[in-house]
Amino acid sequence: MSDQKKPPSQISKLIPTYASRGENLEIPKNQLPEKSMLPSTAYQVIHDELRLDGYSMLNLATFVTTWMEDEAQKLINETLDKNMVDRDEYPQTAEIEQRCIRMTAELWNAPDHENAVGTSTIGSSEAAMLGGMAMKWRWREKRRAENKSTEKPNLVMGANVQVCWHKFCRYWDIEPREVPCEGDRFTLNAEETLKYVDENTIGVVAIMGSTFDGRYEPVEEISDALDRHEKETGLDIPIHVDGASGGFVAPFLQPEIKWDFRLPRVKSINASGHKYGLVYPGVGWVIFRDKDALPEDLIFHVSYLGGDMMDLSINFSRPGNRVVAQYYNFLRLGREGYTRIHQASQRVALSLSEGIGALEPFDLITDGSDIPVFCWKMNDEYARNASFTLYDIAEKLRERGWLVPAYPMPQNRHDLVVQRVVVKEDFSMDVAQMLLQDIKRAIEFFESRPQNPPKTEGSHFSH
């Protein structure tokens, strides 16, 4: 069958129509071309294909930063060739990384931020795994010192954790003890935590900014409960805070909340610089409370790049330009700038959630009061006779370019389907009103078609 008669998914060649006039090329899609082509041709072929992607500003599913200032992009372009691991060759980039670590440690109230212990990573998932590994190593060392078994370690966390924690438990052979949702409780709390911990618990993961609904988990309450538990049992169980989304929000919007190193039981924190740290992907950060919180066994010393380089990471080579971009934001914005930007995003979230919550078919679950993220569900009474579900709304909005995910809540509440919006810096109040109008039009569309069969599932969505 010729390519002209094959369905689009089976076409094996691309034929650029105007990339370079007078040039008639057939470009294989799944193997290297035999011949070279002009730079402009290669650019145009890829440029045209990428137009099929969604417009990032309308992607309200992603937490990832979708806009940076021109000066930041210029710095990123100027440092594209810098490998973060080559600290001897790029000593100033390495120094900038250390400044970012110290600044972040100070932001999270580390006891001695001038001598902060931590590293940049390729993303928050790697940072979370480093924090998890430190918990396992410390637990194992303590058990060996007590001549006790180091088999069957477990990690306690809510069922709402991001998938990186499932990966961590599987890759490092740890029993995941997930606290399921119950009723209207979708996050971990102090009472439930104590039901799952024992002598084999390497630690508890508490989330500042759940990806499912944007809520902060009560880290201080969990810490206080574990303090009482230690007095009763002698078990000293550490906390790792997954601040992937909220680590760069709470210090600016809710500085009164104690969730960080002000709590002695918090030994490590991870965050995504490429979420509310306002940097393009990918950069993450993990900070340890002090040197005692990071087992020496997790640190590697390498010499073949020149000098004695300390390496604390799972990935080796990684881009230095995102670290430079993080430093740009820290200098450019400061506390005042981060506060102003996140306050603006939160105002948009609160306004939009109020508008959506006022619509008859919907009930709010969260409103954006923690991080600028909120979600809603179908009103139970309205849903009984509705000709649509949130999956239908999500699909209808996609016709207008909006990516507003609909998905089931975690374990024990898979019956509850919600829709969620993540408000970022480039999502203005004006654009939010456009979304609200399109949601209203989608409702009107389905209400005018009472025979429409409601969707019971949607496209797969990853948190």
Protein backbone atom coordinates (compact mmCIF):
# COMPACT_ATOMS: atom_id res chain seq x y z
CA MET A 1 0.00 0.00 0.00
CA SER A 2 1.41 3.40 -0.92
CA ASP A 3 1.81 6.11 1.69
CA GLN A 4 -0.90 8.13 -0.07
CA LYS A 5 -3.47 5.41 0.73
CA LYS A 6 -2.36 4.64 4.30
CA PRO A 7 -4.11 6.11 7.33
CA PRO A 8 -2.11 9.02 8.88
CA SER A 9 -0.84 6.91 11.80
CA GLN A 10 0.84 4.49 9.36
CA ILE A 11 2.51 6.98 7.04
CA SER A 12 6.25 6.37 7.20
CA LYS A 13 7.47 9.50 5.40
CA LEU A 14 7.07 13.27 5.68
CA ILE A 15 7.01 15.43 2.56
CA PRO A 16 7.59 19.15 3.29
CA THR A 17 5.54 21.24 0.88
CA TYR A 18 7.13 24.66 1.26
CA ALA A 19 10.10 24.33 3.60
CA SER A 20 12.56 24.88 0.78
CA ARG A 21 11.21 25.75 -2.66
CA GLY A 22 12.53 23.58 -5.42
CA GLU A 23 13.42 20.79 -3.00
CA ASN A 24 11.30 17.65 -3.16
CA LEU A 25 12.24 15.47 -0.19
CA GLU A 26 10.68 12.42 1.32
CA ILE A 27 11.73 12.28 4.96
CA PRO A 28 11.51 8.97 6.84
CA LYS A 29 9.83 9.26 10.23
CA ASN A 30 11.28 6.21 11.95
CA GLN A 31 14.83 5.93 10.63
CA LEU A 32 17.72 8.25 9.89
CA PRO A 33 17.50 9.93 6.46
CA GLU A 34 20.14 8.85 3.98
CA LYS A 35 21.06 12.44 3.11
CA SER A 36 21.42 15.73 4.92
CA MET A 37 19.03 18.63 4.41
CA LEU A 38 19.12 22.38 4.74
CA PRO A 39 18.80 23.75 8.30
CA SER A 40 15.73 25.71 7.26
CA THR A 41 14.06 22.56 5.93
CA ALA A 42 14.68 20.57 9.12
CA TYR A 43 13.46 23.50 11.19
CA GLN A 44 10.27 24.00 9.19
CA VAL A 45 9.32 20.30 9.19
CA ILE A 46 9.62 20.09 12.98
CA HIS A 47 8.10 23.53 13.54
CA ASP A 48 5.01 22.63 11.54
CA GLU A 49 4.57 19.30 13.30
CA LEU A 50 4.79 20.90 16.75
CA ARG A 51 1.86 23.14 15.90
CA LEU A 52 -0.32 20.11 16.64
CA ASP A 53 0.62 20.37 20.33
CA GLY A 54 -1.69 22.22 22.67
CA TYR A 55 -1.06 25.89 23.51
CA SER A 56 0.79 25.86 26.83
CA MET A 57 -1.03 28.86 28.32
CA LEU A 58 -4.34 26.99 27.98
CA ASN A 59 -2.91 23.86 29.64
CA LEU A 60 -4.51 24.07 33.07
CA ALA A 61 -3.54 20.47 33.84
CA THR A 62 0.17 21.08 34.22
CA PHE A 63 1.91 22.55 37.26
CA VAL A 64 4.97 23.21 35.12
CA THR A 65 6.05 26.78 34.31
CA THR A 66 5.01 27.83 30.82
CA TRP A 67 6.39 31.38 30.68
CA MET A 68 9.59 33.18 31.61
CA GLU A 69 10.89 36.67 30.92
CA ASP A 70 13.03 37.35 27.84
CA GLU A 71 16.12 38.00 29.97
CA ALA A 72 15.73 34.60 31.64
CA GLN A 73 15.33 32.90 28.26
CA LYS A 74 18.45 34.70 27.05
CA LEU A 75 20.44 33.34 30.00
CA ILE A 76 19.04 29.86 29.34
CA ASN A 77 20.14 30.04 25.70
CA GLU A 78 23.60 31.33 26.67
CA THR A 79 24.16 28.40 29.05
CA LEU A 80 22.62 25.53 27.06
CA ASP A 81 26.02 23.87 26.78
CA LYS A 82 26.77 23.80 30.53
CA ASN A 83 26.59 20.41 32.23
CA MET A 84 25.74 20.87 35.90
CA VAL A 85 27.88 17.91 36.92
CA ASP A 86 31.05 19.43 35.42
CA ARG A 87 31.68 21.62 38.42
CA ASP A 88 35.43 21.86 37.86
CA GLU A 89 34.97 23.10 34.28
CA TYR A 90 32.10 25.42 35.21
CA PRO A 91 33.00 26.63 38.71
CA GLN A 92 30.79 29.70 38.59
CA THR A 93 27.73 27.67 37.62
CA ALA A 94 28.58 25.41 40.56
CA GLU A 95 28.82 28.46 42.83
CA ILE A 96 25.44 29.68 41.59
CA GLU A 97 23.97 26.26 42.42
CA GLN A 98 25.33 26.55 45.97
CA ARG A 99 23.86 30.04 46.32
CA CYS A 100 20.47 28.69 45.26
CA ILE A 101 20.79 25.87 47.81
CA ARG A 102 21.60 28.35 50.59
CA MET A 103 18.79 30.70 49.55
CA THR A 104 16.28 27.84 49.46
CA ALA A 105 17.49 26.51 52.83
CA GLU A 106 17.03 29.97 54.33
CA LEU A 107 13.56 30.19 52.78
CA TRP A 108 12.67 26.89 54.47
CA ASN A 109 14.16 27.96 57.82
CA ALA A 110 17.08 25.51 57.94
CA PRO A 111 19.01 25.80 61.22
CA ASP A 112 22.24 26.80 59.43
CA HIS A 113 21.44 27.88 55.91
CA GLU A 114 24.96 29.26 55.33
CA ASN A 115 26.20 25.67 55.44
CA ALA A 116 23.15 24.13 53.79
CA VAL A 117 23.23 20.54 52.59
CA GLY A 118 21.38 19.78 49.37
CA THR A 119 21.54 19.66 45.60
CA SER A 120 19.79 20.64 42.43
CA THR A 121 18.19 17.79 40.50
CA ILE A 122 16.61 17.23 37.11
CA GLY A 123 13.20 17.57 38.76
CA SER A 124 11.29 17.15 41.99
CA SER A 125 10.88 13.40 41.49
CA GLU A 126 14.63 12.86 41.68
CA ALA A 127 14.78 15.20 44.67
CA ALA A 128 12.02 13.24 46.43
CA MET A 129 13.83 9.96 45.84
CA LEU A 130 17.04 11.36 47.34
CA GLY A 131 15.08 12.36 50.44
CA GLY A 132 13.52 8.90 50.56
CA MET A 133 16.90 7.19 50.19
CA ALA A 134 18.30 9.22 53.08
CA MET A 135 15.39 8.05 55.26
CA LYS A 136 16.00 4.41 54.34
CA TRP A 137 19.77 4.64 54.90
CA ARG A 138 19.35 6.30 58.32
CA TRP A 139 16.74 3.72 59.39
CA ARG A 140 18.97 0.87 58.25
CA GLU A 141 22.02 2.23 60.09
CA LYS A 142 20.03 2.59 63.30
CA ARG A 143 18.59 -0.92 63.03
CA ARG A 144 22.04 -2.41 62.45
CA ALA A 145 23.40 -0.53 65.46
CA GLU A 146 20.63 -2.12 67.53
CA ASN A 147 21.27 -5.60 66.04
CA LYS A 148 17.77 -5.64 64.59
CA SER A 149 16.50 -6.82 61.21
CA THR A 150 16.73 -4.41 58.28
CA GLU A 151 14.18 -6.35 56.25
CA LYS A 152 10.72 -5.09 55.35
CA PRO A 153 11.14 -1.29 55.59
CA ASN A 154 7.95 0.69 54.98
CA LEU A 155 7.05 4.26 54.12
CA VAL A 156 3.82 5.92 55.32
CA MET A 157 2.08 8.38 52.99
CA GLY A 158 -1.33 9.40 51.77
CA ALA A 159 -2.92 7.76 48.74
CA ASN A 160 -2.75 11.19 47.10
CA VAL A 161 1.04 11.10 46.66
CA GLN A 162 2.57 11.77 43.28
CA VAL A 163 3.64 8.72 41.26
CA CYS A 164 7.33 9.33 42.04
CA TRP A 165 6.73 7.89 45.53
CA HIS A 166 5.26 4.72 44.06
CA LYS A 167 8.38 4.48 41.90
CA PHE A 168 10.63 5.06 44.89
CA CYS A 169 9.02 2.26 46.90
CA ARG A 170 9.18 -0.18 43.99
CA TYR A 171 12.73 0.66 42.93
CA TRP A 172 14.16 0.59 46.47
CA ASP A 173 12.12 -2.39 47.72
CA ILE A 174 10.07 -0.56 50.34
CA GLU A 175 6.54 -1.40 51.42
CA PRO A 176 4.28 1.57 50.57
CA ARG A 177 1.78 2.11 53.35
CA GLU A 178 -0.78 4.37 51.72
CA VAL A 179 -3.42 5.92 53.91
CA PRO A 180 -6.60 5.74 51.79
CA CYS A 181 -9.11 8.54 51.34
CA GLU A 182 -12.23 8.37 53.47
CA GLY A 183 -15.37 10.40 52.81
CA ASP A 184 -14.35 14.01 52.29
CA ARG A 185 -10.79 13.47 53.58
CA PHE A 186 -8.44 13.27 50.61
CA THR A 187 -5.12 13.84 52.39
CA LEU A 188 -3.00 12.46 55.21
CA ASN A 189 -3.71 13.57 58.77
CA ALA A 190 -2.17 12.97 62.19
CA GLU A 191 -4.74 10.45 63.40
CA GLU A 192 -4.43 8.20 60.36
CA THR A 193 -0.64 8.45 60.28
CA LEU A 194 -0.30 6.83 63.71
CA LYS A 195 -2.34 3.82 62.58
CA TYR A 196 0.26 2.91 59.96
CA VAL A 197 3.67 3.52 61.56
CA ASP A 198 5.75 0.86 63.33
CA GLU A 199 9.39 0.01 64.02
CA ASN A 200 10.00 -0.68 60.32
CA THR A 201 8.76 2.74 59.19
CA ILE A 202 11.63 4.65 57.58
CA GLY A 203 9.62 7.87 57.61
CA VAL A 204 6.40 9.71 56.80
CA VAL A 205 5.86 11.73 53.62
CA ALA A 206 3.70 14.83 54.08
CA ILE A 207 2.63 16.87 51.06
CA MET A 208 2.54 20.64 50.79
CA GLY A 209 0.19 21.03 47.85
CA SER A 210 -1.55 17.83 46.78
CA THR A 211 -1.69 17.39 43.02
CA PHE A 212 -5.25 16.10 43.30
CA ASP A 213 -6.87 19.11 44.98
CA GLY A 214 -4.16 21.63 45.93
CA ARG A 215 -4.46 21.14 49.71
CA TYR A 216 -1.64 21.37 52.22
CA GLU A 217 -1.33 18.40 54.55
CA PRO A 218 -1.10 19.33 58.26
CA VAL A 219 2.65 18.78 58.69
CA GLU A 220 2.81 20.36 62.14
CA GLU A 221 -0.05 18.22 63.44
CA ILE A 222 1.57 15.08 62.03
CA SER A 223 4.89 16.09 63.61
CA ASP A 224 3.26 16.70 67.01
CA ALA A 225 1.54 13.31 66.82
CA LEU A 226 4.84 11.59 66.04
CA ASP A 227 6.46 13.44 68.98
CA ARG A 228 3.83 11.98 71.31
CA HIS A 229 4.24 8.58 69.68
CA GLU A 230 8.00 8.66 70.31
CA LYS A 231 7.44 9.39 74.00
CA GLU A 232 5.12 6.40 74.23
CA THR A 233 7.07 3.90 72.10
CA GLY A 234 10.62 5.21 71.74
CA LEU A 235 10.28 5.19 67.93
CA ASP A 236 11.86 8.27 66.32
CA ILE A 237 10.17 8.53 62.91
CA PRO A 238 11.33 11.36 60.59
CA ILE A 239 9.24 13.41 58.17
CA HIS A 240 10.09 14.20 54.58
CA VAL A 241 8.04 17.06 53.15
CA ASP A 242 7.12 16.79 49.49
CA GLY A 243 6.92 20.47 48.65
CA ALA A 244 6.96 19.90 44.89
CA SER A 245 4.15 22.40 44.42
CA GLY A 246 3.90 24.29 47.71
CA GLY A 247 7.55 24.61 48.69
CA PHE A 248 7.85 27.82 46.68
CA VAL A 249 4.34 29.06 47.58
CA ALA A 250 3.80 28.65 51.34
CA PRO A 251 6.81 30.78 52.39
CA PHE A 252 5.32 33.71 50.48
CA LEU A 253 1.55 33.28 50.85
CA GLN A 254 1.27 31.53 54.22
CA PRO A 255 4.53 32.23 56.13
CA GLU A 256 2.77 31.54 59.44
CA ILE A 257 2.26 27.84 58.65
CA LYS A 258 4.90 25.64 60.29
CA TRP A 259 5.70 22.90 57.81
CA ASP A 260 9.44 23.23 57.20
CA PHE A 261 12.67 22.97 59.23
CA ARG A 262 11.08 24.92 62.06
CA LEU A 263 9.78 21.46 62.96
CA PRO A 264 12.75 19.39 64.24
CA ARG A 265 11.19 16.17 62.93
CA VAL A 266 11.36 17.43 59.32
CA LYS A 267 14.67 16.09 58.00
CA SER A 268 14.41 16.84 54.28
CA ILE A 269 12.28 18.80 51.80
CA ASN A 270 11.99 18.59 48.03
CA ALA A 271 10.49 21.10 45.62
CA SER A 272 10.17 21.73 41.90
CA GLY A 273 11.92 24.81 40.68
CA HIS A 274 9.97 24.31 37.47
CA LYS A 275 6.59 24.60 39.19
CA TYR A 276 5.97 27.58 41.45
CA GLY A 277 9.70 28.26 41.49
CA LEU A 278 8.79 29.76 38.08
CA VAL A 279 11.53 28.10 35.98
CA TYR A 280 11.08 26.17 32.74
CA PRO A 281 11.46 22.38 33.16
CA GLY A 282 13.50 20.73 34.44
CA VAL A 283 15.00 21.62 37.79
CA GLY A 284 14.26 20.39 41.29
CA TRP A 285 15.77 20.90 44.73
CA VAL A 286 16.28 18.76 47.80
CA ILE A 287 17.49 20.32 51.05
CA PHE A 288 18.46 18.36 54.16
CA ARG A 289 18.05 19.70 57.65
CA ASP A 290 21.79 19.35 58.35
CA LYS A 291 24.73 17.07 57.63
CA ASP A 292 23.42 14.44 60.04
CA ALA A 293 20.28 14.08 57.93
CA LEU A 294 22.28 13.02 54.87
CA PRO A 295 24.15 9.71 55.22
CA GLU A 296 27.70 9.97 53.93
CA ASP A 297 27.15 6.71 52.06
CA LEU A 298 24.86 8.55 49.58
CA ILE A 299 27.63 10.99 48.56
CA PHE A 300 29.99 10.05 45.73
CA HIS A 301 33.36 11.63 45.06
CA VAL A 302 34.46 11.61 41.43
CA SER A 303 37.80 12.77 40.04
CA TYR A 304 37.68 12.01 36.33
CA LEU A 305 36.06 15.36 35.51
CA GLY A 306 38.97 17.17 37.15
CA GLY A 307 39.37 17.87 40.85
CA ASP A 308 37.47 16.10 43.64
CA MET A 309 33.78 16.53 42.83
CA MET A 310 31.05 15.66 45.33
CA ASP A 311 28.05 14.16 43.57
CA LEU A 312 24.69 13.71 45.27
CA SER A 313 22.21 12.71 42.59
CA ILE A 314 20.57 9.83 40.78
CA ASN A 315 21.04 11.42 37.39
CA PHE A 316 24.58 12.37 36.45
CA SER A 317 24.66 14.83 33.56
CA ARG A 318 21.93 17.44 33.75
CA PRO A 319 21.42 20.96 32.39
CA GLY A 320 23.11 23.81 34.23
CA ASN A 321 21.04 26.44 32.47
CA ARG A 322 17.92 25.72 34.55
CA VAL A 323 19.92 26.31 37.73
CA VAL A 324 21.06 29.62 36.24
CA ALA A 325 17.41 30.42 35.47
CA GLN A 326 16.44 29.65 39.08
CA TYR A 327 19.14 32.03 40.30
CA TYR A 328 17.85 34.67 37.89
CA ASN A 329 14.39 34.40 39.45
CA PHE A 330 15.78 34.57 42.99
CA LEU A 331 17.73 37.75 42.15
CA ARG A 332 15.10 39.31 39.91
CA LEU A 333 12.06 38.69 42.10
CA GLY A 334 13.20 38.33 45.69
CA ARG A 335 10.64 37.74 48.40
CA GLU A 336 8.57 40.73 47.28
CA GLY A 337 8.35 39.56 43.68
CA TYR A 338 7.49 35.94 44.46
CA THR A 339 4.85 37.13 46.91
CA ARG A 340 3.32 39.50 44.37
CA ILE A 341 3.21 36.91 41.58
CA HIS A 342 1.74 34.13 43.74
CA GLN A 343 -0.81 36.51 45.28
CA ALA A 344 -1.94 37.46 41.78
CA SER A 345 -2.26 33.78 40.80
CA GLN A 346 -4.21 33.06 43.96
CA ARG A 347 -6.60 35.96 43.31
CA VAL A 348 -7.31 34.51 39.88
CA ALA A 349 -7.82 31.04 41.38
CA LEU A 350 -10.20 32.30 44.08
CA SER A 351 -12.21 34.35 41.58
CA LEU A 352 -12.47 31.55 39.02
CA SER A 353 -13.33 28.92 41.62
CA GLU A 354 -16.06 31.17 42.99
CA GLY A 355 -17.52 31.49 39.50
CA ILE A 356 -17.40 27.76 38.83
CA GLY A 357 -18.79 26.93 42.27
CA ALA A 358 -21.78 29.18 41.59
CA LEU A 359 -22.78 27.11 38.55
CA GLU A 360 -25.70 24.75 39.28
CA PRO A 361 -24.06 21.50 38.09
CA PHE A 362 -20.92 21.87 40.25
CA ASP A 363 -19.75 21.82 43.88
CA LEU A 364 -16.30 23.04 44.88
CA ILE A 365 -13.98 20.70 46.77
CA THR A 366 -11.17 23.26 47.14
CA ASP A 367 -11.02 26.92 46.12
CA GLY A 368 -7.30 27.74 45.74
CA SER A 369 -6.74 29.01 49.28
CA ASP A 370 -3.54 26.95 49.71
CA ILE A 371 -1.65 26.81 46.43
CA PRO A 372 -3.42 28.45 43.44
CA VAL A 373 -5.05 25.14 42.50
CA PHE A 374 -8.66 24.08 42.95
CA CYS A 375 -11.02 21.31 41.94
CA TRP A 376 -14.73 20.61 41.79
CA LYS A 377 -17.18 17.76 41.34
CA MET A 378 -20.65 17.31 39.91
CA ASN A 379 -23.48 18.24 42.25
CA ASP A 380 -24.97 14.90 43.35
CA GLU A 381 -28.60 15.88 42.82
CA TYR A 382 -27.93 17.52 39.46
CA ALA A 383 -25.83 14.55 38.27
CA ARG A 384 -28.72 12.08 38.69
CA ASN A 385 -30.49 13.42 35.59
CA ALA A 386 -27.61 15.09 33.75
CA SER A 387 -26.76 14.27 30.16
CA PHE A 388 -23.06 14.86 30.77
CA THR A 389 -20.23 14.23 33.21
CA LEU A 390 -17.03 16.10 33.91
CA TYR A 391 -15.38 13.94 31.25
CA ASP A 392 -17.80 15.44 28.72
CA ILE A 393 -17.01 18.96 29.94
CA ALA A 394 -13.26 18.30 29.64
CA GLU A 395 -13.68 17.02 26.08
CA LYS A 396 -15.90 19.95 25.07
CA LEU A 397 -13.44 22.47 26.49
CA ARG A 398 -10.66 20.83 24.52
CA GLU A 399 -12.43 21.88 21.33
CA ARG A 400 -11.61 25.44 22.34
CA GLY A 401 -8.01 24.59 23.22
CA TRP A 402 -8.46 24.30 27.01
CA LEU A 403 -6.83 21.37 28.79
CA VAL A 404 -8.82 20.98 32.02
CA PRO A 405 -8.39 17.41 33.30
CA ALA A 406 -11.14 15.24 34.75
CA TYR A 407 -10.03 12.24 36.80
CA PRO A 408 -11.05 10.00 39.73
CA MET A 409 -9.80 10.70 43.24
CA PRO A 410 -7.37 8.23 44.92
CA GLN A 411 -7.87 4.89 46.63
CA ASN A 412 -11.23 4.37 48.37
CA ARG A 413 -12.75 7.35 46.51
CA HIS A 414 -12.35 6.23 42.90
CA ASP A 415 -16.09 6.79 42.66
CA LEU A 416 -15.56 10.54 42.88
CA VAL A 417 -14.58 12.24 39.62
CA VAL A 418 -13.26 15.79 39.82
CA GLN A 419 -12.01 18.47 37.49
CA ARG A 420 -9.01 20.63 38.38
CA VAL A 421 -7.45 23.95 37.38
CA VAL A 422 -3.83 24.96 38.04
CA VAL A 423 -3.38 28.74 37.91
CA LYS A 424 0.08 29.90 36.89
CA GLU A 425 1.68 33.27 36.29
CA ASP A 426 0.64 33.53 32.64
CA PHE A 427 -3.05 32.83 33.38
CA SER A 428 -4.69 36.23 33.80
CA MET A 429 -8.05 37.23 35.24
CA ASP A 430 -9.24 38.08 31.74
CA VAL A 431 -8.34 34.63 30.38
CA ALA A 432 -9.97 33.05 33.44
CA GLN A 433 -13.23 34.78 32.56
CA MET A 434 -12.96 33.39 29.02
CA LEU A 435 -12.64 29.89 30.49
CA LEU A 436 -15.66 30.46 32.72
CA GLN A 437 -17.73 31.52 29.73
CA ASP A 438 -16.65 28.45 27.78
CA ILE A 439 -17.62 26.22 30.72
CA LYS A 440 -21.05 27.86 30.76
CA ARG A 441 -21.39 27.30 27.01
CA ALA A 442 -20.40 23.65 27.44
CA ILE A 443 -23.13 23.20 30.08
CA GLU A 444 -25.70 24.85 27.80
CA PHE A 445 -24.61 22.60 24.94
CA PHE A 446 -25.24 19.40 26.90
CA GLU A 447 -28.40 20.66 28.57
CA SER A 448 -29.84 21.24 25.09
CA ARG A 449 -29.13 17.59 24.29
CA PRO A 450 -30.83 15.58 27.04
CA GLN A 451 -30.33 12.33 25.08
CA ASN A 452 -26.54 12.68 25.06
CA PRO A 453 -24.97 9.52 26.63
CA PRO A 454 -22.73 10.75 29.51
CA LYS A 455 -19.09 9.68 29.34
CA THR A 456 -17.93 7.39 32.13
CA GLU A 457 -14.19 7.77 31.48
CA GLY A 458 -11.83 10.17 29.81
CA SER A 459 -8.34 10.26 28.39
CA HIS A 460 -5.60 9.15 30.75
CA PHE A 461 -4.20 11.93 32.90
CA SER A 462 -0.97 11.72 34.89
CA HIS A 463 -0.55 13.71 38.07
